[in-house]
Protein backbone atom coordinates (compact mmCIF):
# COMPACT_ATOMS: atom_id res chain seq x y z
CA MET A 1 10.65 19.42 -12.16
CA GLN A 2 9.56 19.39 -15.52
CA THR A 3 6.38 21.16 -16.49
CA GLU A 4 3.82 20.25 -18.76
CA LYS A 5 3.96 22.20 -22.41
CA THR A 6 0.76 21.64 -24.17
CA ILE A 7 1.04 21.83 -28.21
CA ASN A 8 -1.14 21.54 -30.88
CA PRO A 9 0.67 20.05 -33.98
CA PRO A 10 -0.87 20.23 -37.57
CA SER A 11 -3.61 18.01 -38.90
CA GLY A 12 -2.26 14.53 -39.88
CA PHE A 13 -4.79 14.46 -42.71
CA THR A 14 -2.87 17.14 -44.86
CA ALA A 15 0.28 15.01 -44.11
CA LEU A 16 -1.57 11.91 -45.22
CA ALA A 17 -2.74 13.57 -48.32
CA PHE A 18 1.03 14.68 -48.95
CA PHE A 19 2.19 11.17 -48.42
CA LEU A 20 -0.45 9.94 -51.09
CA VAL A 21 0.71 12.57 -53.49
CA LEU A 22 4.24 11.39 -53.14
CA LEU A 23 3.15 7.63 -53.82
CA VAL A 24 1.38 8.81 -56.96
CA ILE A 25 4.43 10.77 -58.05
CA ALA A 26 6.81 7.99 -57.42
CA ALA A 27 4.22 5.29 -59.40
CA ILE A 28 4.33 8.06 -62.23
CA LEU A 29 8.37 8.27 -62.27
CA PHE A 30 8.59 4.24 -62.03
CA SER A 31 6.66 4.21 -65.17
CA SER A 32 9.08 6.13 -67.22
CA ASP A 33 12.57 5.07 -68.26
CA MET A 34 14.71 7.90 -66.06
CA GLY A 35 12.64 8.45 -63.20
CA PHE A 36 13.36 5.30 -61.08
CA LEU A 37 15.91 6.91 -59.02
CA LEU A 38 13.79 9.96 -58.30
CA GLY A 39 10.80 7.74 -57.50
CA SER A 40 12.78 5.71 -54.85
CA ILE A 41 14.18 8.83 -53.57
CA LEU A 42 10.28 10.03 -53.11
CA LEU A 43 9.20 6.82 -51.31
CA VAL A 44 11.99 6.63 -49.01
CA PHE A 45 11.58 10.34 -48.15
CA GLY A 46 7.64 9.38 -47.66
CA PHE A 47 8.22 6.47 -45.56
CA ILE A 48 11.07 7.70 -43.56
CA PHE A 49 9.87 11.57 -43.01
CA VAL A 50 6.00 11.63 -43.45
CA LEU A 51 4.48 8.51 -42.38
CA PRO A 52 6.19 8.14 -39.01
CA GLY A 53 5.17 11.41 -37.93
CA MET A 54 1.28 10.54 -38.14
CA ILE A 55 -0.34 9.98 -34.69
CA VAL A 56 -3.91 9.58 -33.29
CA VAL A 57 -4.84 10.71 -29.87
CA ASN A 58 -8.12 9.22 -28.52
CA PRO A 59 -10.51 11.05 -26.10
CA ASN A 60 -9.05 11.23 -22.89
CA GLU A 61 -5.38 10.64 -23.87
CA SER A 62 -2.28 12.27 -24.42
CA LYS A 63 1.08 11.81 -26.10
CA VAL A 64 4.10 12.80 -24.44
CA LEU A 65 7.04 14.16 -26.90
CA THR A 66 10.52 13.80 -26.59
CA LEU A 67 13.12 14.58 -29.26
CA PHE A 68 16.59 13.35 -28.64
CA GLY A 69 16.11 13.39 -24.66
CA GLN A 70 14.55 16.75 -24.69
CA TYR A 71 10.75 17.22 -23.89
CA THR A 72 9.32 19.09 -26.61
CA GLY A 73 5.61 19.02 -25.39
CA SER A 74 2.18 17.09 -24.81
CA VAL A 75 -0.50 16.47 -27.44
CA LYS A 76 -3.53 16.55 -25.24
CA LYS A 77 -6.34 17.16 -27.92
CA ASP A 78 -7.88 13.99 -29.08
CA GLY A 79 -7.64 13.53 -33.17
CA PHE A 80 -5.15 12.73 -36.13
CA PHE A 81 -2.04 14.85 -35.76
CA TRP A 82 1.18 15.19 -37.60
CA VAL A 83 4.69 15.53 -35.55
CA ASN A 84 8.35 15.34 -36.03
CA PRO A 85 9.02 11.98 -37.08
CA PHE A 86 12.01 11.53 -35.10
CA THR A 87 10.18 12.02 -31.89
CA ASN A 88 9.76 9.58 -29.29
CA LYS A 89 5.82 9.36 -28.52
CA LYS A 90 4.95 7.90 -25.07
CA LYS A 91 1.18 7.53 -24.36
CA VAL A 92 -0.35 8.67 -21.07
CA SER A 93 -3.72 8.08 -20.20
CA LEU A 94 -6.13 11.18 -18.76
CA ARG A 95 -8.77 8.84 -17.52
CA ALA A 96 -9.58 8.47 -14.14
CA PHE A 97 -8.13 5.59 -12.38
CA ASN A 98 -9.44 3.26 -9.49
CA LEU A 99 -7.08 2.25 -6.54
CA ASN A 100 -8.70 -0.63 -4.43
CA GLY A 101 -6.01 -0.63 -1.74
CA GLN A 102 -5.19 -3.70 0.02
CA GLN A 103 -6.20 -4.56 3.78
CA LEU A 104 -3.41 -3.17 5.94
CA LYS A 105 -2.75 -4.23 9.36
CA VAL A 106 -1.64 -0.99 11.50
CA ASN A 107 -2.20 0.33 15.03
CA ASP A 108 -4.32 3.40 15.73
CA SER A 109 -3.00 6.44 17.92
CA ILE A 110 -3.91 4.43 20.93
CA GLY A 111 -2.31 1.19 20.25
CA ASN A 112 -4.87 -0.92 19.24
CA PRO A 113 -4.11 -3.28 15.98
CA ILE A 114 -6.64 -2.75 13.31
CA GLU A 115 -7.21 -3.54 9.63
CA ILE A 116 -7.80 -0.71 6.98
CA ALA A 117 -8.16 -0.33 3.51
CA ALA A 118 -8.92 2.58 1.03
CA VAL A 119 -10.52 3.04 -2.30
CA ILE A 120 -8.81 5.57 -3.89
CA VAL A 121 -9.96 7.86 -7.57
CA TRP A 122 -7.19 9.47 -9.31
CA GLN A 123 -6.39 11.12 -12.46
CA ILE A 124 -3.16 12.42 -14.18
CA LYS A 125 -3.16 16.63 -14.59
CA ASP A 126 0.51 17.11 -15.46
CA THR A 127 1.55 14.56 -18.15
CA ALA A 128 5.25 15.77 -17.83
CA ALA A 129 5.50 15.29 -14.34
CA ALA A 130 4.05 11.97 -14.55
CA VAL A 131 6.38 10.69 -17.12
CA PHE A 132 9.44 12.56 -16.09
CA ALA A 133 9.41 13.25 -12.45
CA VAL A 134 9.11 9.63 -11.09
CA GLU A 135 10.23 6.30 -12.54
CA ASN A 136 6.78 4.55 -12.61
CA TYR A 137 3.62 6.75 -11.96
CA ILE A 138 1.42 3.88 -11.12
CA GLN A 139 3.58 2.07 -8.57
CA TYR A 140 4.31 5.75 -7.05
CA VAL A 141 0.53 6.02 -6.43
CA ASN A 142 0.39 2.58 -4.84
CA ILE A 143 2.94 3.19 -2.65
CA GLN A 144 2.20 6.79 -1.58
CA SER A 145 -1.56 5.66 -1.11
CA GLU A 146 -0.48 2.72 1.24
CA ALA A 147 1.92 5.46 3.26
CA ALA A 148 -1.04 7.98 3.67
CA VAL A 149 -3.37 5.29 4.80
CA ARG A 150 -1.04 3.84 7.44
CA HIS A 151 -0.24 7.56 8.46
CA LEU A 152 -4.06 8.21 8.84
CA ALA A 153 -4.52 5.12 10.85
CA ASN A 154 -1.88 6.09 13.45
CA SER A 155 -3.12 9.64 13.59
CA PHE A 156 -6.68 8.72 14.85
CA PRO A 157 -8.33 6.40 17.40
CA TYR A 158 -10.70 3.65 16.16
CA ASP A 159 -13.42 5.14 18.34
CA ASN A 160 -13.84 6.74 21.66
CA LEU A 161 -14.40 3.73 23.78
CA GLU A 162 -10.86 4.21 25.17
CA ASP A 163 -10.11 7.96 24.18
CA GLU A 164 -13.35 9.69 25.14
CA THR A 165 -11.90 13.20 24.53
CA ALA A 166 -11.26 12.39 20.75
CA ASN A 167 -13.02 14.63 18.16
CA ILE A 168 -12.44 12.82 15.21
CA THR A 169 -12.44 8.83 15.08
CA LEU A 170 -11.79 6.43 12.10
CA ARG A 171 -15.21 4.71 12.80
CA GLY A 172 -17.40 7.50 13.71
CA GLY A 173 -16.07 10.46 11.66
CA ALA A 174 -15.95 9.04 8.17
CA GLU A 175 -16.40 12.11 6.12
CA GLN A 176 -13.65 14.33 8.25
CA VAL A 177 -11.37 10.96 7.49
CA SER A 178 -12.11 10.94 3.95
CA LEU A 179 -11.34 14.67 3.41
CA LEU A 180 -8.28 14.21 5.59
CA LEU A 181 -6.63 11.63 3.66
CA GLU A 182 -7.80 13.08 0.01
CA LYS A 183 -5.70 16.25 1.37
CA GLU A 184 -2.73 14.17 2.30
CA LEU A 185 -2.66 12.17 -1.04
CA ASN A 186 -2.68 15.29 -2.96
CA GLU A 187 0.06 16.47 -1.36
CA ARG A 188 2.07 13.28 -1.84
CA LEU A 189 1.19 12.86 -5.13
CA ALA A 190 1.45 16.36 -6.60
CA ARG A 191 5.35 15.54 -7.47
CA ALA A 192 3.87 13.11 -10.25
CA GLY A 193 1.32 15.43 -11.57
CA ILE A 194 -1.42 13.32 -10.01
CA GLU A 195 -4.70 14.65 -8.65
CA VAL A 196 -6.74 12.64 -6.21
CA LEU A 197 -10.61 13.16 -6.91
CA GLU A 198 -11.78 10.85 -3.97
CA ALA A 199 -10.58 8.91 -1.37
CA ARG A 200 -12.95 6.69 0.90
CA ILE A 201 -12.11 3.88 3.77
CA SER A 202 -13.34 0.89 2.28
CA HIS A 203 -12.67 -1.29 5.19
CA LEU A 204 -12.37 -0.80 9.00
CA ALA A 205 -12.09 -3.51 11.50
CA TYR A 206 -10.17 -4.47 14.69
CA ALA A 207 -7.37 -7.11 14.34
CA PRO A 208 -8.87 -10.71 14.71
CA GLU A 209 -6.76 -11.10 18.28
CA ILE A 210 -8.50 -8.39 19.71
CA ALA A 211 -11.80 -8.29 17.97
CA HIS A 212 -13.73 -10.37 20.60
CA SER A 213 -12.39 -8.55 23.44
CA MET A 214 -13.30 -4.97 21.91
CA LEU A 215 -16.83 -6.68 20.95
CA GLN A 216 -17.28 -7.31 24.57
CA VAL A 217 -16.14 -3.50 25.60
CA GLN A 218 -18.79 -2.45 22.97
CA GLN A 219 -21.73 -4.63 24.45
CA ALA A 220 -20.74 -3.55 27.87
CA SER A 221 -20.52 -0.11 26.93
CA ALA A 222 -23.84 -0.17 25.21
CA ILE A 223 -25.44 -2.00 28.20
CA ILE A 224 -24.16 0.76 30.60
CA ALA A 225 -25.80 3.19 28.05
CA ALA A 226 -29.04 1.67 27.97
CA ARG A 227 -29.00 1.11 31.52
CA ARG A 228 -28.52 5.05 32.40
CA LEU A 229 -31.35 5.84 30.10
CA ILE A 230 -33.48 3.29 31.95
CA VAL A 231 -32.74 4.91 35.17
CA GLU A 232 -33.19 8.42 34.05
CA GLY A 233 -36.62 7.48 33.10
CA ALA A 234 -37.44 5.49 35.92
CA VAL A 235 -36.39 8.38 38.19
CA GLY A 236 -38.63 10.58 36.28
CA MET A 237 -41.43 8.36 36.51
CA VAL A 238 -41.18 7.66 40.49
CA GLU A 239 -40.99 11.53 40.80
CA MET A 240 -43.99 11.89 38.55
CA ALA A 241 -45.98 9.51 40.93
CA LEU A 242 -44.89 10.83 43.84
CA ASN A 243 -46.05 14.40 42.76
CA LYS A 244 -49.45 13.26 41.29
CA LEU A 245 -50.09 11.48 44.90
CA SER A 246 -49.56 14.20 46.78
CA GLU A 247 -51.39 17.10 44.25
CA LYS A 248 -54.56 14.83 44.41
CA ASN A 249 -54.53 13.81 48.08
CA ILE A 250 -54.90 10.26 47.33
CA VAL A 251 -52.66 9.02 50.16
CA GLU A 252 -50.23 10.60 52.71
CA LEU A 253 -47.09 8.96 53.12
CA ASP A 254 -44.39 9.60 55.46
CA GLU A 255 -40.69 9.72 54.71
CA GLU A 256 -39.87 6.23 55.29
CA ARG A 257 -42.83 4.75 53.16
CA LYS A 258 -42.03 7.38 50.39
CA ALA A 259 -38.55 5.49 50.70
CA ALA A 260 -39.87 2.18 50.49
CA MET A 261 -42.39 3.24 47.63
CA VAL A 262 -39.27 4.54 45.57
CA SER A 263 -37.29 1.50 46.30
CA ASN A 264 -39.97 -0.83 45.01
CA LEU A 265 -40.96 1.15 42.00
CA LEU A 266 -37.33 1.42 41.17
CA VAL A 267 -36.89 -2.45 41.10
CA VAL A 268 -40.03 -2.83 38.73
CA LEU A 269 -38.86 -0.20 36.43
CA CYS A 270 -35.30 -1.07 36.39
CA GLY A 271 -35.45 -4.67 36.46
CA ASP A 272 -34.79 -6.66 33.54
CA ARG A 273 -36.90 -9.42 34.29
CA SER A 274 -40.98 -9.56 35.05
CA VAL A 275 -41.80 -8.77 38.67
CA ASN A 276 -44.00 -10.95 40.69
CA PRO A 277 -46.41 -8.60 42.75
CA VAL A 278 -47.18 -9.25 46.35
CA VAL A 279 -50.54 -8.31 47.78
CA ASN A 280 -50.75 -6.85 51.10
CA THR A 281 -53.91 -7.54 52.69
CA GLY A 282 -52.88 -5.85 55.78
CA THR A 283 -52.21 -2.12 56.59
CA LEU A 284 -49.60 -0.11 55.25
CA TYR A 285 -47.42 -0.62 58.26
CA HIS A 286 -47.73 -4.28 58.78
C-alpha cells in the first residue's frame, strides 16, 4: 500500500514574480524589430512551464501529486506554491466529515428484528492511502460503516429482557457500544487512511412487526419489578408492626391471629385499589 509522503514545494509568489518578469521581457522584445521570435518563446515557456505549476492549498485541504503515474508527494500545508507543471494535482479534503447512516433492519444476537442507525465522524489522515488504496474513499466509508453497524447489532441483544446474563446490551450499554463501534470502524477504514473520530448510535428500536409485543413484555417486566418492590416493603412494614405491638405489650396475639393480621395487612399494602375497612364490634375471636 502506498504510504503518504509530505512535501513542501517552493513558494508560488517566486514563480509568479518570475512569470511577470517573462511577460515584461517578452513585451520589450515584441516592441523591437528582431525580438518577435524570442518574445514568443518566452511567452510559451511561461504559459507552459511556469503558470500551470502554481497551486493554492486552502486550510484543511491537501494536494496529492502524481507525475506520469508515479506518486511524488502530498502538499498538506496551506498556502501558494509552485510544483512541477506536469504533475496531476488531486485535491483531498482534510476536514471532518459527518456520515448520518441510514436505518438498517437487522437481527440482534437473540434473533429479534431491530432498526438501528449510527452517526459517524471521520477524517482523512493518510492522503496517499485514501487516493490510491481504494477506488472511492467516500463510498468505501459508507459501505464499511454499514457493515460495521450490522456486525455490532448481531453481536449484542437489544436489552436483557430475554438474555439476563448479557453484560452489554444495545439499549443499556450506549457508551460501551459506541466505543466498540468506533474501534471496529477504525480497523476497517485503516486501509483507506481514514480515522474515525466519533461513532454513536443515533436510532435504535424494535422492528414494527414485533414492537407492540416487546412493549407488552417491557410493561409486564416493569409491573413485576414494581410488585416485587411493593411486596418487599409491605413485608417489612408488617414485621415492624408485629415487633412494635410485641415490644409495647399493646395486645397479645396467638399464631393464628398473627397470621390473620399479616394477611389483612398484606392485602391492604399490596392491593392496587383502595380498601373498604370493616369495623369489628365484637371480640377479636368473634
